[in-house]
Amino acid sequence: MSSVRSLLFTSVLVVLFLTCEANAFFLKFVLWIPPNNRLNIIRLAFWLPFGAHVLREFHEFVTDVNVKKIGPHVWLAIAILVLECLLCYR
């Protein structure tokens, strides 16, 4: 935690990760998917490599002063999380 900016973006990252984990449980409830269904495993298997790439882009944005914009994969991950949250809220 070298700066306030780093602390803020790390907090945002933690909130996004926790939202993704909460959506895993809420989507099972809302869509009436049994816990042992393959759809849950496929969703989490999708998020594993995609989340690693998103984390790299986000870390690059926070630590490198030459990077002025968040990468496109981060925006896509945020859009997917928002759509999952809207689906759970519905």
PDB file of N, CA and C in Angstrom:
ATOM      1  N   MET A   1       0.833  -1.184   0.000  1.00  0.00           N
ATOM      2  CA  MET A   1       0.000   0.000   0.000  1.00  0.00           C
ATOM      3  C   MET A   1       0.877   1.247   0.000  1.00  0.00           C
ATOM      4  N   SER A   2       1.390   1.551  -1.149  1.00  0.00           N
ATOM      5  CA  SER A   2       2.329   2.671  -1.273  1.00  0.00           C
ATOM      6  C   SER A   2       1.634   4.021  -1.365  1.00  0.00           C
ATOM      7  N   SER A   3       0.357   4.019  -1.774  1.00  0.00           N
ATOM      8  CA  SER A   3      -0.345   5.295  -1.918  1.00  0.00           C
ATOM      9  C   SER A   3      -1.835   5.083  -1.690  1.00  0.00           C
ATOM     10  N   VAL A   4      -2.545   6.195  -1.613  1.00  0.00           N
ATOM     11  CA  VAL A   4      -3.995   6.131  -1.456  1.00  0.00           C
ATOM     12  C   VAL A   4      -4.635   5.534  -2.702  1.00  0.00           C
ATOM     13  N   ARG A   5      -4.085   5.851  -3.856  1.00  0.00           N
ATOM     14  CA  ARG A   5      -4.599   5.309  -5.128  1.00  0.00           C
ATOM     15  C   ARG A   5      -4.493   3.788  -5.137  1.00  0.00           C
ATOM     16  N   SER A   6      -3.371   3.275  -4.702  1.00  0.00           N
ATOM     17  CA  SER A   6      -3.165   1.833  -4.651  1.00  0.00           C
ATOM     18  C   SER A   6      -4.140   1.181  -3.679  1.00  0.00           C
ATOM     19  N   LEU A   7      -4.346   1.802  -2.530  1.00  0.00           N
ATOM     20  CA  LEU A   7      -5.297   1.272  -1.545  1.00  0.00           C
ATOM     21  C   LEU A   7      -6.713   1.267  -2.106  1.00  0.00           C
ATOM     22  N   LEU A   8      -7.110   2.333  -2.774  1.00  0.00           N
ATOM     23  CA  LEU A   8      -8.439   2.433  -3.355  1.00  0.00           C
ATOM     24  C   LEU A   8      -8.670   1.358  -4.411  1.00  0.00           C
ATOM     25  N   PHE A   9      -7.736   1.200  -5.323  1.00  0.00           N
ATOM     26  CA  PHE A   9      -7.913   0.220  -6.390  1.00  0.00           C
ATOM     27  C   PHE A   9      -7.817  -1.210  -5.882  1.00  0.00           C
ATOM     28  N   THR A  10      -7.028  -1.445  -4.852  1.00  0.00           N
ATOM     29  CA  THR A  10      -6.985  -2.771  -4.247  1.00  0.00           C
ATOM     30  C   THR A  10      -8.312  -3.094  -3.572  1.00  0.00           C
ATOM     31  N   SER A  11      -8.915  -2.110  -2.937  1.00  0.00           N
ATOM     32  CA  SER A  11     -10.231  -2.309  -2.324  1.00  0.00           C
ATOM     33  C   SER A  11     -11.293  -2.604  -3.382  1.00  0.00           C
ATOM     34  N   VAL A  12     -11.229  -1.903  -4.502  1.00  0.00           N
ATOM     35  CA  VAL A  12     -12.163  -2.156  -5.603  1.00  0.00           C
ATOM     36  C   VAL A  12     -11.978  -3.573  -6.133  1.00  0.00           C
ATOM     37  N   LEU A  13     -10.741  -4.004  -6.256  1.00  0.00           N
ATOM     38  CA  LEU A  13     -10.448  -5.352  -6.742  1.00  0.00           C
ATOM     39  C   LEU A  13     -11.006  -6.416  -5.798  1.00  0.00           C
ATOM     40  N   VAL A  14     -10.873  -6.213  -4.504  1.00  0.00           N
ATOM     41  CA  VAL A  14     -11.414  -7.157  -3.524  1.00  0.00           C
ATOM     42  C   VAL A  14     -12.940  -7.213  -3.623  1.00  0.00           C
ATOM     43  N   VAL A  15     -13.578  -6.074  -3.777  1.00  0.00           N
ATOM     44  CA  VAL A  15     -15.034  -6.047  -3.921  1.00  0.00           C
ATOM     45  C   VAL A  15     -15.473  -6.792  -5.180  1.00  0.00           C
ATOM     46  N   LEU A  16     -14.745  -6.624  -6.282  1.00  0.00           N
ATOM     47  CA  LEU A  16     -15.093  -7.324  -7.518  1.00  0.00           C
ATOM     48  C   LEU A  16     -14.940  -8.837  -7.372  1.00  0.00           C
ATOM     49  N   PHE A  17     -13.863  -9.277  -6.709  1.00  0.00           N
ATOM     50  CA  PHE A  17     -13.676 -10.710  -6.489  1.00  0.00           C
ATOM     51  C   PHE A  17     -14.781 -11.288  -5.603  1.00  0.00           C
ATOM     52  N   LEU A  18     -15.134 -10.581  -4.546  1.00  0.00           N
ATOM     53  CA  LEU A  18     -16.186 -11.067  -3.654  1.00  0.00           C
ATOM     54  C   LEU A  18     -17.548 -11.078  -4.345  1.00  0.00           C
ATOM     55  N   THR A  19     -17.779 -10.124  -5.231  1.00  0.00           N
ATOM     56  CA  THR A  19     -19.019 -10.111  -6.004  1.00  0.00           C
ATOM     57  C   THR A  19     -19.090 -11.316  -6.926  1.00  0.00           C
ATOM     58  N   CYS A  20     -17.990 -11.657  -7.545  1.00  0.00           N
ATOM     59  CA  CYS A  20     -17.946 -12.835  -8.417  1.00  0.00           C
ATOM     60  C   CYS A  20     -18.240 -14.104  -7.628  1.00  0.00           C
ATOM     61  N   GLU A  21     -17.669 -14.214  -6.443  1.00  0.00           N
ATOM     62  CA  GLU A  21     -17.920 -15.393  -5.615  1.00  0.00           C
ATOM     63  C   GLU A  21     -19.365 -15.444  -5.134  1.00  0.00           C
ATOM     64  N   ALA A  22     -19.927 -14.310  -4.757  1.00  0.00           N
ATOM     65  CA  ALA A  22     -21.320 -14.280  -4.307  1.00  0.00           C
ATOM     66  C   ALA A  22     -22.269 -14.618  -5.454  1.00  0.00           C
ATOM     67  N   ASN A  23     -21.938 -14.151  -6.652  1.00  0.00           N
ATOM     68  CA  ASN A  23     -22.781 -14.455  -7.807  1.00  0.00           C
ATOM     69  C   ASN A  23     -22.841 -15.948  -8.094  1.00  0.00           C
ATOM     70  N   ALA A  24     -21.780 -16.671  -7.793  1.00  0.00           N
ATOM     71  CA  ALA A  24     -21.788 -18.121  -8.006  1.00  0.00           C
ATOM     72  C   ALA A  24     -22.916 -18.770  -7.197  1.00  0.00           C
ATOM     73  N   PHE A  25     -23.105 -18.331  -5.985  1.00  0.00           N
ATOM     74  CA  PHE A  25     -24.159 -18.893  -5.152  1.00  0.00           C
ATOM     75  C   PHE A  25     -25.534 -18.354  -5.511  1.00  0.00           C
ATOM     76  N   PHE A  26     -25.627 -17.050  -5.774  1.00  0.00           N
ATOM     77  CA  PHE A  26     -26.921 -16.461  -6.099  1.00  0.00           C
ATOM     78  C   PHE A  26     -27.466 -16.966  -7.432  1.00  0.00           C
ATOM     79  N   LEU A  27     -26.601 -17.174  -8.413  1.00  0.00           N
ATOM     80  CA  LEU A  27     -27.070 -17.671  -9.709  1.00  0.00           C
ATOM     81  C   LEU A  27     -27.612 -19.090  -9.590  1.00  0.00           C
ATOM     82  N   LYS A  28     -27.006 -19.901  -8.739  1.00  0.00           N
ATOM     83  CA  LYS A  28     -27.546 -21.256  -8.520  1.00  0.00           C
ATOM     84  C   LYS A  28     -28.947 -21.176  -7.947  1.00  0.00           C
ATOM     85  N   PHE A  29     -29.187 -20.242  -7.049  1.00  0.00           N
ATOM     86  CA  PHE A  29     -30.498 -20.112  -6.431  1.00  0.00           C
ATOM     87  C   PHE A  29     -31.526 -19.526  -7.402  1.00  0.00           C
ATOM     88  N   VAL A  30     -31.153 -18.465  -8.088  1.00  0.00           N
ATOM     89  CA  VAL A  30     -32.092 -17.770  -8.965  1.00  0.00           C
ATOM     90  C   VAL A  30     -32.467 -18.622 -10.172  1.00  0.00           C
ATOM     91  N   LEU A  31     -31.515 -19.316 -10.752  1.00  0.00           N
ATOM     92  CA  LEU A  31     -31.770 -20.107 -11.959  1.00  0.00           C
ATOM     93  C   LEU A  31     -32.147 -21.554 -11.658  1.00  0.00           C
ATOM     94  N   TRP A  32     -32.273 -21.918 -10.398  1.00  0.00           N
ATOM     95  CA  TRP A  32     -32.634 -23.266  -9.956  1.00  0.00           C
ATOM     96  C   TRP A  32     -31.700 -24.323 -10.533  1.00  0.00           C
ATOM     97  N   ILE A  33     -30.429 -24.074 -10.413  1.00  0.00           N
ATOM     98  CA  ILE A  33     -29.421 -25.005 -10.906  1.00  0.00           C
ATOM     99  C   ILE A  33     -28.913 -25.825  -9.720  1.00  0.00           C
ATOM    100  N   PRO A  34     -28.950 -27.150  -9.800  1.00  0.00           N
ATOM    101  CA  PRO A  34     -28.431 -27.950  -8.690  1.00  0.00           C
ATOM    102  C   PRO A  34     -26.917 -27.757  -8.531  1.00  0.00           C
ATOM    103  N   PRO A  35     -26.402 -27.897  -7.315  1.00  0.00           N
ATOM    104  CA  PRO A  35     -24.977 -27.644  -7.082  1.00  0.00           C
ATOM    105  C   PRO A  35     -24.039 -28.552  -7.871  1.00  0.00           C
ATOM    106  N   ASN A  36     -24.458 -29.752  -8.194  1.00  0.00           N
ATOM    107  CA  ASN A  36     -23.566 -30.675  -8.900  1.00  0.00           C
ATOM    108  C   ASN A  36     -23.699 -30.586 -10.427  1.00  0.00           C
ATOM    109  N   ASN A  37     -24.360 -29.562 -10.927  1.00  0.00           N
ATOM    110  CA  ASN A  37     -24.514 -29.369 -12.367  1.00  0.00           C
ATOM    111  C   ASN A  37     -23.191 -28.895 -12.973  1.00  0.00           C
ATOM    112  N   ARG A  38     -22.936 -29.300 -14.213  1.00  0.00           N
ATOM    113  CA  ARG A  38     -21.693 -28.924 -14.895  1.00  0.00           C
ATOM    114  C   ARG A  38     -21.634 -27.447 -15.253  1.00  0.00           C
ATOM    115  N   LEU A  39     -22.768 -26.800 -15.316  1.00  0.00           N
ATOM    116  CA  LEU A  39     -22.793 -25.382 -15.661  1.00  0.00           C
ATOM    117  C   LEU A  39     -22.011 -24.549 -14.637  1.00  0.00           C
ATOM    118  N   ASN A  40     -22.086 -24.911 -13.373  1.00  0.00           N
ATOM    119  CA  ASN A  40     -21.329 -24.204 -12.338  1.00  0.00           C
ATOM    120  C   ASN A  40     -19.826 -24.373 -12.544  1.00  0.00           C
ATOM    121  N   ILE A  41     -19.417 -25.585 -12.865  1.00  0.00           N
ATOM    122  CA  ILE A  41     -17.998 -25.854 -13.085  1.00  0.00           C
ATOM    123  C   ILE A  41     -17.503 -25.126 -14.328  1.00  0.00           C
ATOM    124  N   ILE A  42     -18.320 -25.090 -15.379  1.00  0.00           N
ATOM    125  CA  ILE A  42     -17.932 -24.398 -16.612  1.00  0.00           C
ATOM    126  C   ILE A  42     -17.786 -22.899 -16.355  1.00  0.00           C
ATOM    127  N   ARG A  43     -18.701 -22.318 -15.583  1.00  0.00           N
ATOM    128  CA  ARG A  43     -18.626 -20.893 -15.270  1.00  0.00           C
ATOM    129  C   ARG A  43     -17.355 -20.563 -14.494  1.00  0.00           C
ATOM    130  N   LEU A  44     -17.065 -21.355 -13.489  1.00  0.00           N
ATOM    131  CA  LEU A  44     -15.863 -21.109 -12.698  1.00  0.00           C
ATOM    132  C   LEU A  44     -14.589 -21.405 -13.500  1.00  0.00           C
ATOM    133  N   ALA A  45     -14.639 -22.403 -14.393  1.00  0.00           N
ATOM    134  CA  ALA A  45     -13.486 -22.697 -15.242  1.00  0.00           C
ATOM    135  C   ALA A  45     -13.244 -21.557 -16.241  1.00  0.00           C
ATOM    136  N   PHE A  46     -14.308 -20.877 -16.645  1.00  0.00           N
ATOM    137  CA  PHE A  46     -14.159 -19.706 -17.510  1.00  0.00           C
ATOM    138  C   PHE A  46     -13.501 -18.558 -16.751  1.00  0.00           C
ATOM    139  N   TRP A  47     -13.921 -18.347 -15.510  1.00  0.00           N
ATOM    140  CA  TRP A  47     -13.418 -17.214 -14.739  1.00  0.00           C
ATOM    141  C   TRP A  47     -11.964 -17.385 -14.317  1.00  0.00           C
ATOM    142  N   LEU A  48     -11.481 -18.606 -14.177  1.00  0.00           N
ATOM    143  CA  LEU A  48     -10.112 -18.811 -13.694  1.00  0.00           C
ATOM    144  C   LEU A  48      -9.060 -18.209 -14.627  1.00  0.00           C
ATOM    145  N   PRO A  49      -8.960 -18.617 -15.896  1.00  0.00           N
ATOM    146  CA  PRO A  49      -7.927 -17.993 -16.746  1.00  0.00           C
ATOM    147  C   PRO A  49      -8.253 -16.545 -17.109  1.00  0.00           C
ATOM    148  N   PHE A  50      -9.549 -16.261 -17.290  1.00  0.00           N
ATOM    149  CA  PHE A  50      -9.948 -14.899 -17.622  1.00  0.00           C
ATOM    150  C   PHE A  50      -9.645 -13.956 -16.458  1.00  0.00           C
ATOM    151  N   GLY A  51      -9.908 -14.401 -15.236  1.00  0.00           N
ATOM    152  CA  GLY A  51      -9.629 -13.589 -14.057  1.00  0.00           C
ATOM    153  C   GLY A  51      -8.145 -13.343 -13.856  1.00  0.00           C
ATOM    154  N   ALA A  52      -7.324 -14.327 -14.209  1.00  0.00           N
ATOM    155  CA  ALA A  52      -5.880 -14.144 -14.094  1.00  0.00           C
ATOM    156  C   ALA A  52      -5.400 -13.058 -15.060  1.00  0.00           C
ATOM    157  N   HIS A  53      -5.940 -13.062 -16.266  1.00  0.00           N
ATOM    158  CA  HIS A  53      -5.567 -12.042 -17.250  1.00  0.00           C
ATOM    159  C   HIS A  53      -6.066 -10.660 -16.813  1.00  0.00           C
ATOM    160  N   VAL A  54      -7.278 -10.618 -16.277  1.00  0.00           N
ATOM    161  CA  VAL A  54      -7.840  -9.359 -15.784  1.00  0.00           C
ATOM    162  C   VAL A  54      -6.999  -8.821 -14.631  1.00  0.00           C
ATOM    163  N   LEU A  55      -6.584  -9.709 -13.739  1.00  0.00           N
ATOM    164  CA  LEU A  55      -5.759  -9.290 -12.613  1.00  0.00           C
ATOM    165  C   LEU A  55      -4.429  -8.715 -13.079  1.00  0.00           C
ATOM    166  N   ARG A  56      -3.843  -9.305 -14.109  1.00  0.00           N
ATOM    167  CA  ARG A  56      -2.584  -8.779 -14.640  1.00  0.00           C
ATOM    168  C   ARG A  56      -2.778  -7.380 -15.215  1.00  0.00           C
ATOM    169  N   GLU A  57      -3.833  -7.190 -15.999  1.00  0.00           N
ATOM    170  CA  GLU A  57      -4.103  -5.876 -16.575  1.00  0.00           C
ATOM    171  C   GLU A  57      -4.381  -4.837 -15.500  1.00  0.00           C
ATOM    172  N   PHE A  58      -5.130  -5.238 -14.484  1.00  0.00           N
ATOM    173  CA  PHE A  58      -5.474  -4.307 -13.410  1.00  0.00           C
ATOM    174  C   PHE A  58      -4.230  -3.931 -12.606  1.00  0.00           C
ATOM    175  N   HIS A  59      -3.375  -4.906 -12.332  1.00  0.00           N
ATOM    176  CA  HIS A  59      -2.143  -4.632 -11.598  1.00  0.00           C
ATOM    177  C   HIS A  59      -1.223  -3.717 -12.405  1.00  0.00           C
ATOM    178  N   GLU A  60      -1.183  -3.929 -13.692  1.00  0.00           N
ATOM    179  CA  GLU A  60      -0.376  -3.069 -14.566  1.00  0.00           C
ATOM    180  C   GLU A  60      -0.890  -1.636 -14.535  1.00  0.00           C
ATOM    181  N   PHE A  61      -2.207  -1.472 -14.531  1.00  0.00           N
ATOM    182  CA  PHE A  61      -2.802  -0.138 -14.483  1.00  0.00           C
ATOM    183  C   PHE A  61      -2.486   0.557 -13.158  1.00  0.00           C
ATOM    184  N   VAL A  62      -2.528  -0.183 -12.059  1.00  0.00           N
ATOM    185  CA  VAL A  62      -2.309   0.420 -10.745  1.00  0.00           C
ATOM    186  C   VAL A  62      -0.841   0.753 -10.512  1.00  0.00           C
ATOM    187  N   THR A  63       0.064  -0.117 -10.938  1.00  0.00           N
ATOM    188  CA  THR A  63       1.469   0.065 -10.595  1.00  0.00           C
ATOM    189  C   THR A  63       2.272   0.861 -11.617  1.00  0.00           C
ATOM    190  N   ASP A  64       1.917   0.797 -12.881  1.00  0.00           N
ATOM    191  CA  ASP A  64       2.693   1.474 -13.927  1.00  0.00           C
ATOM    192  C   ASP A  64       2.129   2.876 -14.166  1.00  0.00           C
ATOM    193  N   VAL A  65       2.947   3.875 -14.004  1.00  0.00           N
ATOM    194  CA  VAL A  65       2.486   5.259 -14.182  1.00  0.00           C
ATOM    195  C   VAL A  65       2.296   5.612 -15.654  1.00  0.00           C
ATOM    196  N   ASN A  66       2.865   4.829 -16.558  1.00  0.00           N
ATOM    197  CA  ASN A  66       2.720   5.103 -17.992  1.00  0.00           C
ATOM    198  C   ASN A  66       1.383   4.618 -18.542  1.00  0.00           C
ATOM    199  N   VAL A  67       0.721   3.711 -17.841  1.00  0.00           N
ATOM    200  CA  VAL A  67      -0.576   3.191 -18.284  1.00  0.00           C
ATOM    201  C   VAL A  67      -1.659   4.129 -17.765  1.00  0.00           C
ATOM    202  N   LYS A  68      -2.402   4.736 -18.689  1.00  0.00           N
ATOM    203  CA  LYS A  68      -3.409   5.731 -18.318  1.00  0.00           C
ATOM    204  C   LYS A  68      -4.834   5.183 -18.317  1.00  0.00           C
ATOM    205  N   LYS A  69      -5.058   4.043 -18.979  1.00  0.00           N
ATOM    206  CA  LYS A  69      -6.407   3.487 -19.084  1.00  0.00           C
ATOM    207  C   LYS A  69      -6.423   2.052 -18.605  1.00  0.00           C
ATOM    208  N   ILE A  70      -7.568   1.654 -18.074  1.00  0.00           N
ATOM    209  CA  ILE A  70      -7.764   0.259 -17.683  1.00  0.00           C
ATOM    210  C   ILE A  70      -7.923  -0.555 -18.964  1.00  0.00           C
ATOM    211  N   GLY A  71      -7.383  -1.776 -18.961  1.00  0.00           N
ATOM    212  CA  GLY A  71      -7.429  -2.631 -20.141  1.00  0.00           C
ATOM    213  C   GLY A  71      -8.833  -3.093 -20.502  1.00  0.00           C
ATOM    214  N   PRO A  72      -9.027  -3.527 -21.746  1.00  0.00           N
ATOM    215  CA  PRO A  72     -10.361  -3.935 -22.207  1.00  0.00           C
ATOM    216  C   PRO A  72     -10.891  -5.189 -21.505  1.00  0.00           C
ATOM    217  N   HIS A  73      -9.991  -6.065 -21.084  1.00  0.00           N
ATOM    218  CA  HIS A  73     -10.459  -7.266 -20.402  1.00  0.00           C
ATOM    219  C   HIS A  73     -11.023  -6.944 -19.022  1.00  0.00           C
ATOM    220  N   VAL A  74     -10.486  -5.921 -18.390  1.00  0.00           N
ATOM    221  CA  VAL A  74     -11.021  -5.490 -17.095  1.00  0.00           C
ATOM    222  C   VAL A  74     -12.428  -4.941 -17.279  1.00  0.00           C
ATOM    223  N   TRP A  75     -12.623  -4.142 -18.319  1.00  0.00           N
ATOM    224  CA  TRP A  75     -13.962  -3.606 -18.579  1.00  0.00           C
ATOM    225  C   TRP A  75     -14.950  -4.730 -18.911  1.00  0.00           C
ATOM    226  N   LEU A  76     -14.489  -5.731 -19.660  1.00  0.00           N
ATOM    227  CA  LEU A  76     -15.360  -6.856 -19.984  1.00  0.00           C
ATOM    228  C   LEU A  76     -15.729  -7.637 -18.729  1.00  0.00           C
ATOM    229  N   ALA A  77     -14.776  -7.846 -17.836  1.00  0.00           N
ATOM    230  CA  ALA A  77     -15.056  -8.563 -16.590  1.00  0.00           C
ATOM    231  C   ALA A  77     -16.044  -7.783 -15.729  1.00  0.00           C
ATOM    232  N   ILE A  78     -15.894  -6.469 -15.671  1.00  0.00           N
ATOM    233  CA  ILE A  78     -16.837  -5.649 -14.901  1.00  0.00           C
ATOM    234  C   ILE A  78     -18.223  -5.721 -15.527  1.00  0.00           C
ATOM    235  N   ALA A  79     -18.311  -5.699 -16.852  1.00  0.00           N
ATOM    236  CA  ALA A  79     -19.609  -5.797 -17.519  1.00  0.00           C
ATOM    237  C   ALA A  79     -20.274  -7.141 -17.244  1.00  0.00           C
ATOM    238  N   ILE A  80     -19.497  -8.217 -17.266  1.00  0.00           N
ATOM    239  CA  ILE A  80     -20.054  -9.544 -16.975  1.00  0.00           C
ATOM    240  C   ILE A  80     -20.550  -9.602 -15.539  1.00  0.00           C
ATOM    241  N   LEU A  81     -19.775  -9.052 -14.607  1.00  0.00           N
ATOM    242  CA  LEU A  81     -20.198  -9.044 -13.209  1.00  0.00           C
ATOM    243  C   LEU A  81     -21.473  -8.225 -13.004  1.00  0.00           C
ATOM    244  N   VAL A  82     -21.560  -7.096 -13.684  1.00  0.00           N
ATOM    245  CA  VAL A  82     -22.765  -6.268 -13.564  1.00  0.00           C
ATOM    246  C   VAL A  82     -23.970  -7.012 -14.126  1.00  0.00           C
ATOM    247  N   LEU A  83     -23.815  -7.677 -15.265  1.00  0.00           N
ATOM    248  CA  LEU A  83     -24.929  -8.430 -15.839  1.00  0.00           C
ATOM    249  C   LEU A  83     -25.339  -9.592 -14.933  1.00  0.00           C
ATOM    250  N   GLU A  84     -24.368 -10.269 -14.319  1.00  0.00           N
ATOM    251  CA  GLU A  84     -24.708 -11.334 -13.377  1.00  0.00           C
ATOM    252  C   GLU A  84     -25.444 -10.771 -12.167  1.00  0.00           C
ATOM    253  N   CYS A  85     -25.007  -9.633 -11.679  1.00  0.00           N
ATOM    254  CA  CYS A  85     -25.687  -9.016 -10.536  1.00  0.00           C
ATOM    255  C   CYS A  85     -27.111  -8.603 -10.887  1.00  0.00           C
ATOM    256  N   LEU A  86     -27.288  -8.053 -12.091  1.00  0.00           N
ATOM    257  CA  LEU A  86     -28.637  -7.690 -12.527  1.00  0.00           C
ATOM    258  C   LEU A  86     -29.535  -8.912 -12.668  1.00  0.00           C
ATOM    259  N   LEU A  87     -28.972 -10.003 -13.146  1.00  0.00           N
ATOM    260  CA  LEU A  87     -29.738 -11.232 -13.262  1.00  0.00           C
ATOM    261  C   LEU A  87     -30.136 -11.763 -11.873  1.00  0.00           C
ATOM    262  N   CYS A  88     -29.227 -11.660 -10.921  1.00  0.00           N
ATOM    263  CA  CYS A  88     -29.535 -12.100  -9.558  1.00  0.00           C
ATOM    264  C   CYS A  88     -30.569 -11.186  -8.916  1.00  0.00           C
ATOM    265  N   TYR A  89     -30.488  -9.890  -9.205  1.00  0.00           N
ATOM    266  CA  TYR A  89     -31.437  -8.935  -8.630  1.00  0.00           C
ATOM    267  C   TYR A  89     -32.846  -9.105  -9.191  1.00  0.00           C
ATOM    268  N   ARG A  90     -32.899  -9.488 -10.459  1.00  0.00           N
ATOM    269  CA  ARG A  90     -34.193  -9.660 -11.110  1.00  0.00           C
ATOM    270  C   ARG A  90     -34.958 -10.722 -10.388  1.00  0.00           C
TER     271      ARG A  90
END
